[in-house]
Amino acid sequence: MASSIEEILDGFEFLDDWEDRYRYVIELGRELEPLSDEERNEANKVQGCVSQVWLAKSLDTGADGKPLLKYKGDSDAHIVRGLVAIVLAQYSGRPAEFIAKDDIDQVFDRIGLQEHLTPQRSNGLRSMVQRIKEDARLALSAA
């Protein structure tokens, strides 16, 4: 069972040392449900990431009749897989309207993530978020 974003934030606040925080990010990645070989395809691959990252999306309808996006994700790099877990904790299972409006940078700032990632990982993280936000915009325009 994947951690909620609140549990993740609490976990980071408990850890002072960045070595421990990196280990925690890797641990979060291990919680992700593995993708099937069929889900590891070009359509699900996130462009702009140095590591390979896949996001498999499913579209559902919430009780209010509005689009709801659910994701599974994976990466071939341990730390990046943990970053996928953080992004999915914030967005998977949420309404498209929330995703389109949300500023996940507040979560990253609270963790202190941005200043501890390489520029390549930061770019990859932005690419994941942009992909999910674009999915949300498309789901809203189709609704």
C-alpha atoms as a PDB file:
ATOM      1  CA  MET A   1       0.000   0.000   0.000  1.00  0.00           C
ATOM      2  CA  ALA A   2       1.448   3.335  -1.062  1.00  0.00           C
ATOM      3  CA  SER A   3       1.928   6.096   1.465  1.00  0.00           C
ATOM      4  CA  SER A   4      -0.286   9.177   1.448  1.00  0.00           C
ATOM      5  CA  ILE A   5       1.310  12.545   0.792  1.00  0.00           C
ATOM      6  CA  GLU A   6       0.706  13.478   4.443  1.00  0.00           C
ATOM      7  CA  GLU A   7       2.555  10.358   5.641  1.00  0.00           C
ATOM      8  CA  ILE A   8       5.412  11.136   3.278  1.00  0.00           C
ATOM      9  CA  LEU A   9       5.677  14.727   4.497  1.00  0.00           C
ATOM     10  CA  ASP A  10       5.641  13.525   8.113  1.00  0.00           C
ATOM     11  CA  GLY A  11       8.409  11.053   7.285  1.00  0.00           C
ATOM     12  CA  PHE A  12      10.596  13.796   5.820  1.00  0.00           C
ATOM     13  CA  GLU A  13      10.051  16.064   8.823  1.00  0.00           C
ATOM     14  CA  PHE A  14      11.290  13.269  11.089  1.00  0.00           C
ATOM     15  CA  LEU A  15      14.572  12.946   9.124  1.00  0.00           C
ATOM     16  CA  ASP A  16      17.203  15.681   9.407  1.00  0.00           C
ATOM     17  CA  ASP A  17      20.095  14.166   7.463  1.00  0.00           C
ATOM     18  CA  TRP A  18      19.880  14.110   3.656  1.00  0.00           C
ATOM     19  CA  GLU A  19      21.503  10.690   3.475  1.00  0.00           C
ATOM     20  CA  ASP A  20      18.563   9.384   5.520  1.00  0.00           C
ATOM     21  CA  ARG A  21      16.138  11.339   3.331  1.00  0.00           C
ATOM     22  CA  TYR A  22      17.587   9.797   0.174  1.00  0.00           C
ATOM     23  CA  ARG A  23      17.186   6.345   1.719  1.00  0.00           C
ATOM     24  CA  TYR A  24      13.584   7.251   2.538  1.00  0.00           C
ATOM     25  CA  VAL A  25      12.945   8.331  -1.081  1.00  0.00           C
ATOM     26  CA  ILE A  26      14.320   4.967  -2.264  1.00  0.00           C
ATOM     27  CA  GLU A  27      12.100   3.176   0.268  1.00  0.00           C
ATOM     28  CA  LEU A  28       9.046   5.043  -1.065  1.00  0.00           C
ATOM     29  CA  GLY A  29       9.901   3.816  -4.548  1.00  0.00           C
ATOM     30  CA  ARG A  30       9.922   0.237  -3.316  1.00  0.00           C
ATOM     31  CA  GLU A  31       6.289   0.673  -2.219  1.00  0.00           C
ATOM     32  CA  LEU A  32       5.127   1.300  -5.788  1.00  0.00           C
ATOM     33  CA  GLU A  33       3.109  -1.419  -7.456  1.00  0.00           C
ATOM     34  CA  PRO A  34       5.231  -2.740 -10.334  1.00  0.00           C
ATOM     35  CA  LEU A  35       4.113  -2.004 -13.869  1.00  0.00           C
ATOM     36  CA  SER A  36       3.384  -4.858 -16.220  1.00  0.00           C
ATOM     37  CA  ASP A  37       5.506  -5.294 -19.340  1.00  0.00           C
ATOM     38  CA  GLU A  38       2.513  -4.057 -21.377  1.00  0.00           C
ATOM     39  CA  GLU A  39       2.405  -0.837 -19.337  1.00  0.00           C
ATOM     40  CA  ARG A  40       6.104  -0.178 -19.976  1.00  0.00           C
ATOM     41  CA  ASN A  41       5.420   1.160 -23.447  1.00  0.00           C
ATOM     42  CA  GLU A  42       6.289   4.293 -25.437  1.00  0.00           C
ATOM     43  CA  ALA A  43       2.887   5.901 -24.803  1.00  0.00           C
ATOM     44  CA  ASN A  44       3.435   5.685 -21.025  1.00  0.00           C
ATOM     45  CA  LYS A  45       7.085   6.753 -21.152  1.00  0.00           C
ATOM     46  CA  VAL A  46       7.713  10.261 -19.826  1.00  0.00           C
ATOM     47  CA  GLN A  47       9.817  12.343 -22.181  1.00  0.00           C
ATOM     48  CA  GLY A  48      12.401  14.689 -20.660  1.00  0.00           C
ATOM     49  CA  CYS A  49      13.682  12.288 -18.008  1.00  0.00           C
ATOM     50  CA  VAL A  50      17.273  11.037 -18.108  1.00  0.00           C
ATOM     51  CA  SER A  51      16.176   7.821 -16.391  1.00  0.00           C
ATOM     52  CA  GLN A  52      13.383   5.816 -17.914  1.00  0.00           C
ATOM     53  CA  VAL A  53      10.044   6.738 -16.314  1.00  0.00           C
ATOM     54  CA  TRP A  54       6.628   5.344 -17.130  1.00  0.00           C
ATOM     55  CA  LEU A  55       3.255   6.642 -15.962  1.00  0.00           C
ATOM     56  CA  ALA A  56       0.246   4.428 -16.686  1.00  0.00           C
ATOM     57  CA  LYS A  57      -2.980   6.436 -16.407  1.00  0.00           C
ATOM     58  CA  SER A  58      -6.543   5.299 -15.929  1.00  0.00           C
ATOM     59  CA  LEU A  59      -9.473   7.664 -16.115  1.00  0.00           C
ATOM     60  CA  ASP A  60     -12.444   7.216 -13.826  1.00  0.00           C
ATOM     61  CA  THR A  61     -15.451   9.283 -12.848  1.00  0.00           C
ATOM     62  CA  GLY A  62     -15.882  10.609  -9.332  1.00  0.00           C
ATOM     63  CA  ALA A  63     -19.168  10.565  -7.395  1.00  0.00           C
ATOM     64  CA  ASP A  64     -19.749  14.109  -8.682  1.00  0.00           C
ATOM     65  CA  GLY A  65     -19.470  12.897 -12.298  1.00  0.00           C
ATOM     66  CA  LYS A  66     -16.178  14.715 -12.852  1.00  0.00           C
ATOM     67  CA  PRO A  67     -12.990  13.069 -14.185  1.00  0.00           C
ATOM     68  CA  LEU A  68     -10.707  11.336 -11.720  1.00  0.00           C
ATOM     69  CA  LEU A  69      -7.158  10.303 -12.673  1.00  0.00           C
ATOM     70  CA  LYS A  70      -5.364   7.273 -11.269  1.00  0.00           C
ATOM     71  CA  TYR A  71      -1.744   6.408 -11.949  1.00  0.00           C
ATOM     72  CA  LYS A  72       0.777   3.667 -11.610  1.00  0.00           C
ATOM     73  CA  GLY A  73       4.397   4.550 -12.196  1.00  0.00           C
ATOM     74  CA  ASP A  74       7.864   3.113 -12.396  1.00  0.00           C
ATOM     75  CA  SER A  75      11.456   4.002 -13.202  1.00  0.00           C
ATOM     76  CA  ASP A  76      14.691   2.152 -13.834  1.00  0.00           C
ATOM     77  CA  ALA A  77      16.472   4.319 -11.207  1.00  0.00           C
ATOM     78  CA  HIS A  78      15.881   3.860  -7.464  1.00  0.00           C
ATOM     79  CA  ILE A  79      15.781   7.527  -6.437  1.00  0.00           C
ATOM     80  CA  VAL A  80      13.651   8.474  -9.437  1.00  0.00           C
ATOM     81  CA  ARG A  81      11.240   5.658  -8.576  1.00  0.00           C
ATOM     82  CA  GLY A  82      10.902   7.286  -5.152  1.00  0.00           C
ATOM     83  CA  LEU A  83      10.234  10.662  -6.778  1.00  0.00           C
ATOM     84  CA  VAL A  84       7.508   8.971  -8.844  1.00  0.00           C
ATOM     85  CA  ALA A  85       6.013   7.685  -5.575  1.00  0.00           C
ATOM     86  CA  ILE A  86       5.923  11.226  -4.140  1.00  0.00           C
ATOM     87  CA  VAL A  87       4.276  12.672  -7.253  1.00  0.00           C
ATOM     88  CA  LEU A  88       1.701   9.864  -7.366  1.00  0.00           C
ATOM     89  CA  ALA A  89       0.945  10.278  -3.657  1.00  0.00           C
ATOM     90  CA  GLN A  90      -0.011  13.873  -4.451  1.00  0.00           C
ATOM     91  CA  TYR A  91      -1.985  13.215  -7.655  1.00  0.00           C
ATOM     92  CA  SER A  92      -3.143   9.628  -8.174  1.00  0.00           C
ATOM     93  CA  GLY A  93      -6.824   9.116  -7.401  1.00  0.00           C
ATOM     94  CA  ARG A  94      -7.494  12.855  -7.394  1.00  0.00           C
ATOM     95  CA  PRO A  95      -9.970  14.851  -9.475  1.00  0.00           C
ATOM     96  CA  ALA A  96      -8.574  16.298 -12.707  1.00  0.00           C
ATOM     97  CA  GLU A  97      -9.676  19.744 -11.504  1.00  0.00           C
ATOM     98  CA  PHE A  98      -7.472  19.456  -8.375  1.00  0.00           C
ATOM     99  CA  ILE A  99      -4.492  18.242 -10.422  1.00  0.00           C
ATOM    100  CA  ALA A 100      -4.781  21.058 -12.960  1.00  0.00           C
ATOM    101  CA  LYS A 101      -4.807  23.731 -10.229  1.00  0.00           C
ATOM    102  CA  ASP A 102      -2.411  22.224  -7.672  1.00  0.00           C
ATOM    103  CA  ASP A 103       1.051  23.674  -7.071  1.00  0.00           C
ATOM    104  CA  ILE A 104       3.157  20.642  -6.117  1.00  0.00           C
ATOM    105  CA  ASP A 105       6.187  22.916  -5.668  1.00  0.00           C
ATOM    106  CA  GLN A 106       4.813  23.675  -2.196  1.00  0.00           C
ATOM    107  CA  VAL A 107       5.189  19.973  -1.347  1.00  0.00           C
ATOM    108  CA  PHE A 108       8.711  19.886  -2.810  1.00  0.00           C
ATOM    109  CA  ASP A 109       9.645  23.050  -0.889  1.00  0.00           C
ATOM    110  CA  ARG A 110       8.347  21.584   2.376  1.00  0.00           C
ATOM    111  CA  ILE A 111      10.516  18.512   1.824  1.00  0.00           C
ATOM    112  CA  GLY A 112      13.472  20.620   0.692  1.00  0.00           C
ATOM    113  CA  LEU A 113      13.690  18.477  -2.401  1.00  0.00           C
ATOM    114  CA  GLN A 114      14.559  20.982  -5.130  1.00  0.00           C
ATOM    115  CA  GLU A 115      17.920  22.035  -3.685  1.00  0.00           C
ATOM    116  CA  HIS A 116      18.987  18.405  -3.180  1.00  0.00           C
ATOM    117  CA  LEU A 117      18.329  17.074  -6.676  1.00  0.00           C
ATOM    118  CA  THR A 118      20.651  17.196  -9.646  1.00  0.00           C
ATOM    119  CA  PRO A 119      19.461  19.451 -12.498  1.00  0.00           C
ATOM    120  CA  GLN A 120      18.698  16.325 -14.558  1.00  0.00           C
ATOM    121  CA  ARG A 121      16.495  14.854 -11.813  1.00  0.00           C
ATOM    122  CA  SER A 122      14.775  18.208 -11.316  1.00  0.00           C
ATOM    123  CA  ASN A 123      14.012  18.349 -15.040  1.00  0.00           C
ATOM    124  CA  GLY A 124      12.679  14.803 -14.953  1.00  0.00           C
ATOM    125  CA  LEU A 125      10.511  15.621 -11.958  1.00  0.00           C
ATOM    126  CA  ARG A 126       9.089  18.637 -13.807  1.00  0.00           C
ATOM    127  CA  SER A 127       8.432  16.450 -16.854  1.00  0.00           C
ATOM    128  CA  MET A 128       6.429  13.973 -14.734  1.00  0.00           C
ATOM    129  CA  VAL A 129       4.346  16.753 -13.200  1.00  0.00           C
ATOM    130  CA  GLN A 130       3.763  18.421 -16.589  1.00  0.00           C
ATOM    131  CA  ARG A 131       2.641  15.101 -18.067  1.00  0.00           C
ATOM    132  CA  ILE A 132       0.100  14.548 -15.259  1.00  0.00           C
ATOM    133  CA  LYS A 133      -1.152  18.142 -15.456  1.00  0.00           C
ATOM    134  CA  GLU A 134      -1.574  17.811 -19.224  1.00  0.00           C
ATOM    135  CA  ASP A 135      -3.560  14.587 -18.687  1.00  0.00           C
ATOM    136  CA  ALA A 136      -5.778  16.509 -16.256  1.00  0.00           C
ATOM    137  CA  ARG A 137      -6.338  19.353 -18.718  1.00  0.00           C
ATOM    138  CA  LEU A 138      -7.242  16.877 -21.465  1.00  0.00           C
ATOM    139  CA  ALA A 139      -9.636  15.025 -19.162  1.00  0.00           C
ATOM    140  CA  LEU A 140     -11.322  18.297 -18.205  1.00  0.00           C
ATOM    141  CA  SER A 141     -11.678  19.446 -21.809  1.00  0.00           C
ATOM    142  CA  ALA A 142     -13.228  16.090 -22.764  1.00  0.00           C
ATOM    143  CA  ALA A 143     -15.680  16.144 -19.841  1.00  0.00           C
END
